[in-house]
Amino acid sequence: MEKKYTAIVRKSKLEYVAICLELNVSARGEDLADVEKNLRTAIELYLVDIKEHPETAVSSISTDEFIEFLRDTEPEWYKEPGEGVLLRPLEVHEVPSYA
């Protein structure tokens, strides 16, 4: 059984950006199919690289890096929340898992 990885995909102003949470590997693409293909490739290459170089430290994305990813890919429609509102909208359609 192959290991599955969780990815978050967001659309920025110019392109789609995806990040694998468990490996902290990212990819970009012009559309969802392109970003998914690119992320699968990036994960596969990363896994080959860590097999060839076992000294490579593998770590999941940190909270600070994840917050930076969300800020960098903030949708155009987003507006600052009103005074006293702490929550920010996060549009999630599906969280895919990649093997």
PDB file of N, CA and C in Angstrom:
ATOM      1  N   MET A   1       0.841  -1.193   0.000  1.00  0.00           N
ATOM      2  CA  MET A   1       0.000   0.000   0.000  1.00  0.00           C
ATOM      3  C   MET A   1       0.880   1.248   0.000  1.00  0.00           C
ATOM      4  N   GLU A   2       0.599   2.152  -0.927  1.00  0.00           N
ATOM      5  CA  GLU A   2       1.387   3.367  -1.030  1.00  0.00           C
ATOM      6  C   GLU A   2       0.923   4.396  -0.011  1.00  0.00           C
ATOM      7  N   LYS A   3       1.868   5.209   0.444  1.00  0.00           N
ATOM      8  CA  LYS A   3       1.543   6.271   1.386  1.00  0.00           C
ATOM      9  C   LYS A   3       0.779   7.373   0.655  1.00  0.00           C
ATOM     10  N   LYS A   4      -0.172   7.968   1.340  1.00  0.00           N
ATOM     11  CA  LYS A   4      -0.932   9.081   0.769  1.00  0.00           C
ATOM     12  C   LYS A   4      -0.487  10.378   1.427  1.00  0.00           C
ATOM     13  N   TYR A   5      -0.524  11.446   0.652  1.00  0.00           N
ATOM     14  CA  TYR A   5      -0.128  12.759   1.131  1.00  0.00           C
ATOM     15  C   TYR A   5      -1.284  13.729   0.934  1.00  0.00           C
ATOM     16  N   THR A   6      -1.375  14.693   1.827  1.00  0.00           N
ATOM     17  CA  THR A   6      -2.433  15.698   1.785  1.00  0.00           C
ATOM     18  C   THR A   6      -1.908  16.964   1.124  1.00  0.00           C
ATOM     19  N   ALA A   7      -2.724  17.537   0.243  1.00  0.00           N
ATOM     20  CA  ALA A   7      -2.317  18.760  -0.448  1.00  0.00           C
ATOM     21  C   ALA A   7      -3.396  19.820  -0.294  1.00  0.00           C
ATOM     22  N   ILE A   8      -2.956  21.048  -0.225  1.00  0.00           N
ATOM     23  CA  ILE A   8      -3.843  22.207  -0.253  1.00  0.00           C
ATOM     24  C   ILE A   8      -3.548  22.930  -1.561  1.00  0.00           C
ATOM     25  N   VAL A   9      -4.587  23.220  -2.322  1.00  0.00           N
ATOM     26  CA  VAL A   9      -4.434  23.917  -3.599  1.00  0.00           C
ATOM     27  C   VAL A   9      -5.208  25.218  -3.508  1.00  0.00           C
ATOM     28  N   ARG A  10      -4.552  26.300  -3.886  1.00  0.00           N
ATOM     29  CA  ARG A  10      -5.221  27.605  -3.891  1.00  0.00           C
ATOM     30  C   ARG A  10      -4.913  28.319  -5.194  1.00  0.00           C
ATOM     31  N   LYS A  11      -5.821  29.180  -5.577  1.00  0.00           N
ATOM     32  CA  LYS A  11      -5.608  29.985  -6.773  1.00  0.00           C
ATOM     33  C   LYS A  11      -5.127  31.360  -6.348  1.00  0.00           C
ATOM     34  N   SER A  12      -3.943  31.717  -6.811  1.00  0.00           N
ATOM     35  CA  SER A  12      -3.445  33.071  -6.567  1.00  0.00           C
ATOM     36  C   SER A  12      -3.871  33.940  -7.746  1.00  0.00           C
ATOM     37  N   LYS A  13      -3.377  35.141  -7.815  1.00  0.00           N
ATOM     38  CA  LYS A  13      -3.776  36.045  -8.891  1.00  0.00           C
ATOM     39  C   LYS A  13      -3.388  35.510 -10.269  1.00  0.00           C
ATOM     40  N   LEU A  14      -2.248  34.853 -10.366  1.00  0.00           N
ATOM     41  CA  LEU A  14      -1.738  34.440 -11.665  1.00  0.00           C
ATOM     42  C   LEU A  14      -1.825  32.948 -11.950  1.00  0.00           C
ATOM     43  N   GLU A  15      -1.869  32.117 -10.911  1.00  0.00           N
ATOM     44  CA  GLU A  15      -1.775  30.679 -11.122  1.00  0.00           C
ATOM     45  C   GLU A  15      -2.317  29.921  -9.924  1.00  0.00           C
ATOM     46  N   TYR A  16      -2.384  28.611 -10.069  1.00  0.00           N
ATOM     47  CA  TYR A  16      -2.731  27.743  -8.952  1.00  0.00           C
ATOM     48  C   TYR A  16      -1.439  27.329  -8.253  1.00  0.00           C
ATOM     49  N   VAL A  17      -1.504  27.239  -6.936  1.00  0.00           N
ATOM     50  CA  VAL A  17      -0.349  26.833  -6.141  1.00  0.00           C
ATOM     51  C   VAL A  17      -0.801  25.727  -5.195  1.00  0.00           C
ATOM     52  N   ALA A  18       0.012  24.674  -5.099  1.00  0.00           N
ATOM     53  CA  ALA A  18      -0.312  23.546  -4.227  1.00  0.00           C
ATOM     54  C   ALA A  18       0.851  23.264  -3.302  1.00  0.00           C
ATOM     55  N   ILE A  19       0.521  22.784  -2.114  1.00  0.00           N
ATOM     56  CA  ILE A  19       1.563  22.395  -1.164  1.00  0.00           C
ATOM     57  C   ILE A  19       1.174  21.079  -0.511  1.00  0.00           C
ATOM     58  N   CYS A  20       2.139  20.189  -0.414  1.00  0.00           N
ATOM     59  CA  CYS A  20       1.963  18.920   0.272  1.00  0.00           C
ATOM     60  C   CYS A  20       2.308  19.156   1.740  1.00  0.00           C
ATOM     61  N   LEU A  21       1.332  18.958   2.609  1.00  0.00           N
ATOM     62  CA  LEU A  21       1.514  19.294   4.024  1.00  0.00           C
ATOM     63  C   LEU A  21       2.541  18.412   4.719  1.00  0.00           C
ATOM     64  N   GLU A  22       2.560  17.126   4.400  1.00  0.00           N
ATOM     65  CA  GLU A  22       3.463  16.203   5.100  1.00  0.00           C
ATOM     66  C   GLU A  22       4.923  16.367   4.701  1.00  0.00           C
ATOM     67  N   LEU A  23       5.177  16.757   3.449  1.00  0.00           N
ATOM     68  CA  LEU A  23       6.557  16.840   2.955  1.00  0.00           C
ATOM     69  C   LEU A  23       7.051  18.262   2.756  1.00  0.00           C
ATOM     70  N   ASN A  24       6.149  19.240   2.839  1.00  0.00           N
ATOM     71  CA  ASN A  24       6.491  20.642   2.589  1.00  0.00           C
ATOM     72  C   ASN A  24       7.078  20.807   1.185  1.00  0.00           C
ATOM     73  N   VAL A  25       6.410  20.189   0.217  1.00  0.00           N
ATOM     74  CA  VAL A  25       6.786  20.275  -1.195  1.00  0.00           C
ATOM     75  C   VAL A  25       5.685  21.048  -1.896  1.00  0.00           C
ATOM     76  N   SER A  26       6.059  21.965  -2.776  1.00  0.00           N
ATOM     77  CA  SER A  26       5.046  22.773  -3.453  1.00  0.00           C
ATOM     78  C   SER A  26       5.205  22.694  -4.965  1.00  0.00           C
ATOM     79  N   ALA A  27       4.150  23.115  -5.652  1.00  0.00           N
ATOM     80  CA  ALA A  27       4.150  23.165  -7.117  1.00  0.00           C
ATOM     81  C   ALA A  27       3.153  24.219  -7.547  1.00  0.00           C
ATOM     82  N   ARG A  28       3.259  24.611  -8.797  1.00  0.00           N
ATOM     83  CA  ARG A  28       2.323  25.585  -9.359  1.00  0.00           C
ATOM     84  C   ARG A  28       1.914  25.149 -10.741  1.00  0.00           C
ATOM     85  N   GLY A  29       0.808  25.707 -11.210  1.00  0.00           N
ATOM     86  CA  GLY A  29       0.325  25.366 -12.535  1.00  0.00           C
ATOM     87  C   GLY A  29      -0.720  26.352 -13.011  1.00  0.00           C
ATOM     88  N   GLU A  30      -1.011  26.287 -14.304  1.00  0.00           N
ATOM     89  CA  GLU A  30      -1.964  27.212 -14.901  1.00  0.00           C
ATOM     90  C   GLU A  30      -3.406  26.883 -14.567  1.00  0.00           C
ATOM     91  N   ASP A  31      -3.697  25.590 -14.313  1.00  0.00           N
ATOM     92  CA  ASP A  31      -5.045  25.170 -13.948  1.00  0.00           C
ATOM     93  C   ASP A  31      -4.933  24.017 -12.949  1.00  0.00           C
ATOM     94  N   LEU A  32      -6.084  23.514 -12.477  1.00  0.00           N
ATOM     95  CA  LEU A  32      -6.064  22.463 -11.451  1.00  0.00           C
ATOM     96  C   LEU A  32      -5.371  21.197 -11.935  1.00  0.00           C
ATOM     97  N   ALA A  33      -5.634  20.797 -13.174  1.00  0.00           N
ATOM     98  CA  ALA A  33      -4.994  19.590 -13.703  1.00  0.00           C
ATOM     99  C   ALA A  33      -3.481  19.763 -13.780  1.00  0.00           C
ATOM    100  N   ASP A  34      -3.045  20.931 -14.189  1.00  0.00           N
ATOM    101  CA  ASP A  34      -1.618  21.217 -14.319  1.00  0.00           C
ATOM    102  C   ASP A  34      -0.932  21.229 -12.955  1.00  0.00           C
ATOM    103  N   VAL A  35      -1.535  21.885 -11.969  1.00  0.00           N
ATOM    104  CA  VAL A  35      -0.921  21.952 -10.646  1.00  0.00           C
ATOM    105  C   VAL A  35      -0.904  20.572  -9.984  1.00  0.00           C
ATOM    106  N   GLU A  36      -1.951  19.767 -10.218  1.00  0.00           N
ATOM    107  CA  GLU A  36      -1.967  18.418  -9.653  1.00  0.00           C
ATOM    108  C   GLU A  36      -0.855  17.565 -10.266  1.00  0.00           C
ATOM    109  N   LYS A  37      -0.722  17.619 -11.581  1.00  0.00           N
ATOM    110  CA  LYS A  37       0.342  16.876 -12.266  1.00  0.00           C
ATOM    111  C   LYS A  37       1.716  17.323 -11.762  1.00  0.00           C
ATOM    112  N   ASN A  38       1.903  18.628 -11.636  1.00  0.00           N
ATOM    113  CA  ASN A  38       3.191  19.160 -11.176  1.00  0.00           C
ATOM    114  C   ASN A  38       3.483  18.777  -9.728  1.00  0.00           C
ATOM    115  N   LEU A  39       2.450  18.756  -8.874  1.00  0.00           N
ATOM    116  CA  LEU A  39       2.669  18.373  -7.484  1.00  0.00           C
ATOM    117  C   LEU A  39       3.008  16.888  -7.380  1.00  0.00           C
ATOM    118  N   ARG A  40       2.312  16.053  -8.135  1.00  0.00           N
ATOM    119  CA  ARG A  40       2.635  14.619  -8.141  1.00  0.00           C
ATOM    120  C   ARG A  40       4.094  14.406  -8.556  1.00  0.00           C
ATOM    121  N   THR A  41       4.516  15.106  -9.595  1.00  0.00           N
ATOM    122  CA  THR A  41       5.898  15.002 -10.067  1.00  0.00           C
ATOM    123  C   THR A  41       6.875  15.476  -8.998  1.00  0.00           C
ATOM    124  N   ALA A  42       6.566  16.603  -8.369  1.00  0.00           N
ATOM    125  CA  ALA A  42       7.447  17.144  -7.327  1.00  0.00           C
ATOM    126  C   ALA A  42       7.571  16.177  -6.155  1.00  0.00           C
ATOM    127  N   ILE A  43       6.456  15.558  -5.755  1.00  0.00           N
ATOM    128  CA  ILE A  43       6.486  14.586  -4.653  1.00  0.00           C
ATOM    129  C   ILE A  43       7.325  13.379  -5.042  1.00  0.00           C
ATOM    130  N   GLU A  44       7.103  12.853  -6.245  1.00  0.00           N
ATOM    131  CA  GLU A  44       7.869  11.693  -6.710  1.00  0.00           C
ATOM    132  C   GLU A  44       9.365  11.993  -6.737  1.00  0.00           C
ATOM    133  N   LEU A  45       9.746  13.152  -7.282  1.00  0.00           N
ATOM    134  CA  LEU A  45      11.164  13.525  -7.335  1.00  0.00           C
ATOM    135  C   LEU A  45      11.749  13.701  -5.935  1.00  0.00           C
ATOM    136  N   TYR A  46      10.975  14.288  -5.046  1.00  0.00           N
ATOM    137  CA  TYR A  46      11.440  14.486  -3.669  1.00  0.00           C
ATOM    138  C   TYR A  46      11.662  13.149  -2.981  1.00  0.00           C
ATOM    139  N   LEU A  47      10.746  12.207  -3.168  1.00  0.00           N
ATOM    140  CA  LEU A  47      10.884  10.884  -2.546  1.00  0.00           C
ATOM    141  C   LEU A  47      12.098  10.135  -3.090  1.00  0.00           C
ATOM    142  N   VAL A  48      12.361  10.268  -4.391  1.00  0.00           N
ATOM    143  CA  VAL A  48      13.566   9.666  -4.973  1.00  0.00           C
ATOM    144  C   VAL A  48      14.805  10.303  -4.358  1.00  0.00           C
ATOM    145  N   ASP A  49      14.779  11.617  -4.233  1.00  0.00           N
ATOM    146  CA  ASP A  49      15.930  12.347  -3.686  1.00  0.00           C
ATOM    147  C   ASP A  49      16.222  11.940  -2.243  1.00  0.00           C
ATOM    148  N   ILE A  50      15.188  11.778  -1.413  1.00  0.00           N
ATOM    149  CA  ILE A  50      15.461  11.413  -0.021  1.00  0.00           C
ATOM    150  C   ILE A  50      15.907   9.954   0.107  1.00  0.00           C
ATOM    151  N   LYS A  51      15.554   9.112  -0.867  1.00  0.00           N
ATOM    152  CA  LYS A  51      16.091   7.743  -0.868  1.00  0.00           C
ATOM    153  C   LYS A  51      17.566   7.754  -1.216  1.00  0.00           C
ATOM    154  N   GLU A  52      17.942   8.607  -2.169  1.00  0.00           N
ATOM    155  CA  GLU A  52      19.341   8.719  -2.590  1.00  0.00           C
ATOM    156  C   GLU A  52      20.190   9.440  -1.549  1.00  0.00           C
ATOM    157  N   HIS A  53      19.575  10.295  -0.774  1.00  0.00           N
ATOM    158  CA  HIS A  53      20.275  11.095   0.237  1.00  0.00           C
ATOM    159  C   HIS A  53      19.551  10.953   1.572  1.00  0.00           C
ATOM    160  N   PRO A  54      19.745   9.825   2.268  1.00  0.00           N
ATOM    161  CA  PRO A  54      19.005   9.574   3.509  1.00  0.00           C
ATOM    162  C   PRO A  54      19.278  10.592   4.622  1.00  0.00           C
ATOM    163  N   GLU A  55      20.310  11.368   4.484  1.00  0.00           N
ATOM    164  CA  GLU A  55      20.614  12.384   5.494  1.00  0.00           C
ATOM    165  C   GLU A  55      19.675  13.592   5.386  1.00  0.00           C
ATOM    166  N   THR A  56      18.891  13.656   4.315  1.00  0.00           N
ATOM    167  CA  THR A  56      17.946  14.752   4.124  1.00  0.00           C
ATOM    168  C   THR A  56      16.888  14.728   5.224  1.00  0.00           C
ATOM    169  N   ALA A  57      16.703  15.851   5.871  1.00  0.00           N
ATOM    170  CA  ALA A  57      15.701  15.954   6.932  1.00  0.00           C
ATOM    171  C   ALA A  57      14.332  16.189   6.291  1.00  0.00           C
ATOM    172  N   VAL A  58      13.399  15.289   6.557  1.00  0.00           N
ATOM    173  CA  VAL A  58      12.042  15.405   6.028  1.00  0.00           C
ATOM    174  C   VAL A  58      11.160  15.940   7.144  1.00  0.00           C
ATOM    175  N   SER A  59      10.442  17.022   6.854  1.00  0.00           N
ATOM    176  CA  SER A  59       9.545  17.574   7.871  1.00  0.00           C
ATOM    177  C   SER A  59       8.303  18.137   7.211  1.00  0.00           C
ATOM    178  N   SER A  60       7.229  18.107   7.948  1.00  0.00           N
ATOM    179  CA  SER A  60       5.982  18.670   7.451  1.00  0.00           C
ATOM    180  C   SER A  60       6.065  20.187   7.484  1.00  0.00           C
ATOM    181  N   ILE A  61       5.095  20.821   6.850  1.00  0.00           N
ATOM    182  CA  ILE A  61       5.083  22.282   6.811  1.00  0.00           C
ATOM    183  C   ILE A  61       4.823  22.823   8.220  1.00  0.00           C
ATOM    184  N   SER A  62       5.549  23.849   8.589  1.00  0.00           N
ATOM    185  CA  SER A  62       5.347  24.457   9.903  1.00  0.00           C
ATOM    186  C   SER A  62       4.126  25.376   9.854  1.00  0.00           C
ATOM    187  N   THR A  63       3.629  25.720  11.010  1.00  0.00           N
ATOM    188  CA  THR A  63       2.477  26.629  11.091  1.00  0.00           C
ATOM    189  C   THR A  63       2.807  27.970  10.454  1.00  0.00           C
ATOM    190  N   ASP A  64       3.995  28.506  10.721  1.00  0.00           N
ATOM    191  CA  ASP A  64       4.380  29.795  10.144  1.00  0.00           C
ATOM    192  C   ASP A  64       4.457  29.724   8.618  1.00  0.00           C
ATOM    193  N   GLU A  65       5.017  28.632   8.091  1.00  0.00           N
ATOM    194  CA  GLU A  65       5.097  28.479   6.636  1.00  0.00           C
ATOM    195  C   GLU A  65       3.706  28.322   6.018  1.00  0.00           C
ATOM    196  N   PHE A  66       2.818  27.621   6.714  1.00  0.00           N
ATOM    197  CA  PHE A  66       1.464  27.437   6.211  1.00  0.00           C
ATOM    198  C   PHE A  66       0.717  28.766   6.186  1.00  0.00           C
ATOM    199  N   ILE A  67       0.865  29.564   7.221  1.00  0.00           N
ATOM    200  CA  ILE A  67       0.238  30.885   7.253  1.00  0.00           C
ATOM    201  C   ILE A  67       0.787  31.756   6.127  1.00  0.00           C
ATOM    202  N   GLU A  68       2.086  31.693   5.882  1.00  0.00           N
ATOM    203  CA  GLU A  68       2.686  32.449   4.777  1.00  0.00           C
ATOM    204  C   GLU A  68       2.110  31.985   3.432  1.00  0.00           C
ATOM    205  N   PHE A  69       1.957  30.667   3.259  1.00  0.00           N
ATOM    206  CA  PHE A  69       1.356  30.118   2.037  1.00  0.00           C
ATOM    207  C   PHE A  69      -0.057  30.669   1.852  1.00  0.00           C
ATOM    208  N   LEU A  70      -0.857  30.670   2.911  1.00  0.00           N
ATOM    209  CA  LEU A  70      -2.224  31.180   2.820  1.00  0.00           C
ATOM    210  C   LEU A  70      -2.249  32.668   2.485  1.00  0.00           C
ATOM    211  N   ARG A  71      -1.354  33.427   3.075  1.00  0.00           N
ATOM    212  CA  ARG A  71      -1.302  34.869   2.792  1.00  0.00           C
ATOM    213  C   ARG A  71      -0.847  35.135   1.357  1.00  0.00           C
ATOM    214  N   ASP A  72       0.149  34.377   0.903  1.00  0.00           N
ATOM    215  CA  ASP A  72       0.669  34.570  -0.456  1.00  0.00           C
ATOM    216  C   ASP A  72      -0.339  34.185  -1.531  1.00  0.00           C
ATOM    217  N   THR A  73      -1.277  33.317  -1.196  1.00  0.00           N
ATOM    218  CA  THR A  73      -2.266  32.853  -2.171  1.00  0.00           C
ATOM    219  C   THR A  73      -3.665  33.375  -1.840  1.00  0.00           C
ATOM    220  N   GLU A  74      -3.719  34.459  -1.107  1.00  0.00           N
ATOM    221  CA  GLU A  74      -5.006  35.022  -0.708  1.00  0.00           C
ATOM    222  C   GLU A  74      -5.818  35.409  -1.945  1.00  0.00           C
ATOM    223  N   PRO A  75      -7.072  34.972  -2.015  1.00  0.00           N
ATOM    224  CA  PRO A  75      -7.877  35.262  -3.208  1.00  0.00           C
ATOM    225  C   PRO A  75      -8.168  36.746  -3.380  1.00  0.00           C
ATOM    226  N   GLU A  76      -8.399  37.134  -4.630  1.00  0.00           N
ATOM    227  CA  GLU A  76      -8.683  38.541  -4.926  1.00  0.00           C
ATOM    228  C   GLU A  76      -9.948  39.033  -4.238  1.00  0.00           C
ATOM    229  N   TRP A  77     -10.933  38.136  -4.083  1.00  0.00           N
ATOM    230  CA  TRP A  77     -12.212  38.549  -3.511  1.00  0.00           C
ATOM    231  C   TRP A  77     -12.133  38.801  -2.018  1.00  0.00           C
ATOM    232  N   TYR A  78     -11.024  38.419  -1.373  1.00  0.00           N
ATOM    233  CA  TYR A  78     -10.908  38.567   0.074  1.00  0.00           C
ATOM    234  C   TYR A  78     -10.843  40.035   0.469  1.00  0.00           C
ATOM    235  N   LYS A  79     -11.577  40.389   1.510  1.00  0.00           N
ATOM    236  CA  LYS A  79     -11.518  41.731   2.087  1.00  0.00           C
ATOM    237  C   LYS A  79     -11.218  41.578   3.570  1.00  0.00           C
ATOM    238  N   GLU A  80     -10.583  42.566   4.137  1.00  0.00           N
ATOM    239  CA  GLU A  80     -10.274  42.530   5.571  1.00  0.00           C
ATOM    240  C   GLU A  80     -11.561  42.363   6.375  1.00  0.00           C
ATOM    241  N   PRO A  81     -11.514  41.525   7.419  1.00  0.00           N
ATOM    242  CA  PRO A  81     -12.709  41.363   8.245  1.00  0.00           C
ATOM    243  C   PRO A  81     -13.025  42.657   8.987  1.00  0.00           C
ATOM    244  N   GLY A  82     -14.265  42.791   9.368  1.00  0.00           N
ATOM    245  CA  GLY A  82     -14.685  43.985  10.100  1.00  0.00           C
ATOM    246  C   GLY A  82     -14.028  44.056  11.470  1.00  0.00           C
ATOM    247  N   GLU A  83     -14.168  45.177  12.098  1.00  0.00           N
ATOM    248  CA  GLU A  83     -13.573  45.401  13.409  1.00  0.00           C
ATOM    249  C   GLU A  83     -14.114  44.380  14.417  1.00  0.00           C
ATOM    250  N   GLY A  84     -13.228  43.788  15.176  1.00  0.00           N
ATOM    251  CA  GLY A  84     -13.613  42.816  16.183  1.00  0.00           C
ATOM    252  C   GLY A  84     -13.775  41.403  15.640  1.00  0.00           C
ATOM    253  N   VAL A  85     -13.650  41.223  14.325  1.00  0.00           N
ATOM    254  CA  VAL A  85     -13.774  39.891  13.721  1.00  0.00           C
ATOM    255  C   VAL A  85     -12.380  39.303  13.535  1.00  0.00           C
ATOM    256  N   LEU A  86     -12.154  38.123  14.086  1.00  0.00           N
ATOM    257  CA  LEU A  86     -10.835  37.506  14.011  1.00  0.00           C
ATOM    258  C   LEU A  86     -10.715  36.484  12.892  1.00  0.00           C
ATOM    259  N   LEU A  87     -11.824  35.856  12.522  1.00  0.00           N
ATOM    260  CA  LEU A  87     -11.770  34.783  11.539  1.00  0.00           C
ATOM    261  C   LEU A  87     -11.636  35.331  10.129  1.00  0.00           C
ATOM    262  N   ARG A  88     -10.910  34.582   9.296  1.00  0.00           N
ATOM    263  CA  ARG A  88     -10.752  34.935   7.897  1.00  0.00           C
ATOM    264  C   ARG A  88     -11.344  33.811   7.063  1.00  0.00           C
ATOM    265  N   PRO A  89     -11.951  34.113   5.936  1.00  0.00           N
ATOM    266  CA  PRO A  89     -12.542  33.052   5.122  1.00  0.00           C
ATOM    267  C   PRO A  89     -11.469  32.197   4.459  1.00  0.00           C
ATOM    268  N   LEU A  90     -11.729  30.913   4.373  1.00  0.00           N
ATOM    269  CA  LEU A  90     -10.865  29.978   3.668  1.00  0.00           C
ATOM    270  C   LEU A  90     -11.778  29.123   2.812  1.00  0.00           C
ATOM    271  N   GLU A  91     -11.660  29.275   1.527  1.00  0.00           N
ATOM    272  CA  GLU A  91     -12.515  28.541   0.610  1.00  0.00           C
ATOM    273  C   GLU A  91     -11.902  27.172   0.356  1.00  0.00           C
ATOM    274  N   VAL A  92     -12.575  26.128   0.822  1.00  0.00           N
ATOM    275  CA  VAL A  92     -12.092  24.754   0.646  1.00  0.00           C
ATOM    276  C   VAL A  92     -13.154  23.964  -0.093  1.00  0.00           C
ATOM    277  N   HIS A  93     -12.785  23.454  -1.239  1.00  0.00           N
ATOM    278  CA  HIS A  93     -13.709  22.619  -2.000  1.00  0.00           C
ATOM    279  C   HIS A  93     -13.446  21.149  -1.736  1.00  0.00           C
ATOM    280  N   GLU A  94     -12.186  20.796  -1.680  1.00  0.00           N
ATOM    281  CA  GLU A  94     -11.798  19.408  -1.465  1.00  0.00           C
ATOM    282  C   GLU A  94     -10.328  19.414  -1.081  1.00  0.00           C
ATOM    283  N   VAL A  95      -9.967  18.528  -0.179  1.00  0.00           N
ATOM    284  CA  VAL A  95      -8.562  18.363   0.190  1.00  0.00           C
ATOM    285  C   VAL A  95      -8.130  16.998  -0.350  1.00  0.00           C
ATOM    286  N   PRO A  96      -7.443  17.004  -1.495  1.00  0.00           N
ATOM    287  CA  PRO A  96      -7.067  15.719  -2.105  1.00  0.00           C
ATOM    288  C   PRO A  96      -5.903  15.064  -1.380  1.00  0.00           C
ATOM    289  N   SER A  97      -5.839  13.765  -1.497  1.00  0.00           N
ATOM    290  CA  SER A  97      -4.690  12.995  -1.008  1.00  0.00           C
ATOM    291  C   SER A  97      -3.997  12.390  -2.208  1.00  0.00           C
ATOM    292  N   TYR A  98      -2.700  12.460  -2.228  1.00  0.00           N
ATOM    293  CA  TYR A  98      -1.914  11.952  -3.349  1.00  0.00           C
ATOM    294  C   TYR A  98      -1.072  10.776  -2.902  1.00  0.00           C
ATOM    295  N   ALA A  99      -1.064   9.750  -3.706  1.00  0.00           N
ATOM    296  CA  ALA A  99      -0.244   8.568  -3.406  1.00  0.00           C
ATOM    297  C   ALA A  99       1.023   8.637  -4.196  1.00  0.00           C
TER     298      ALA A  99
END
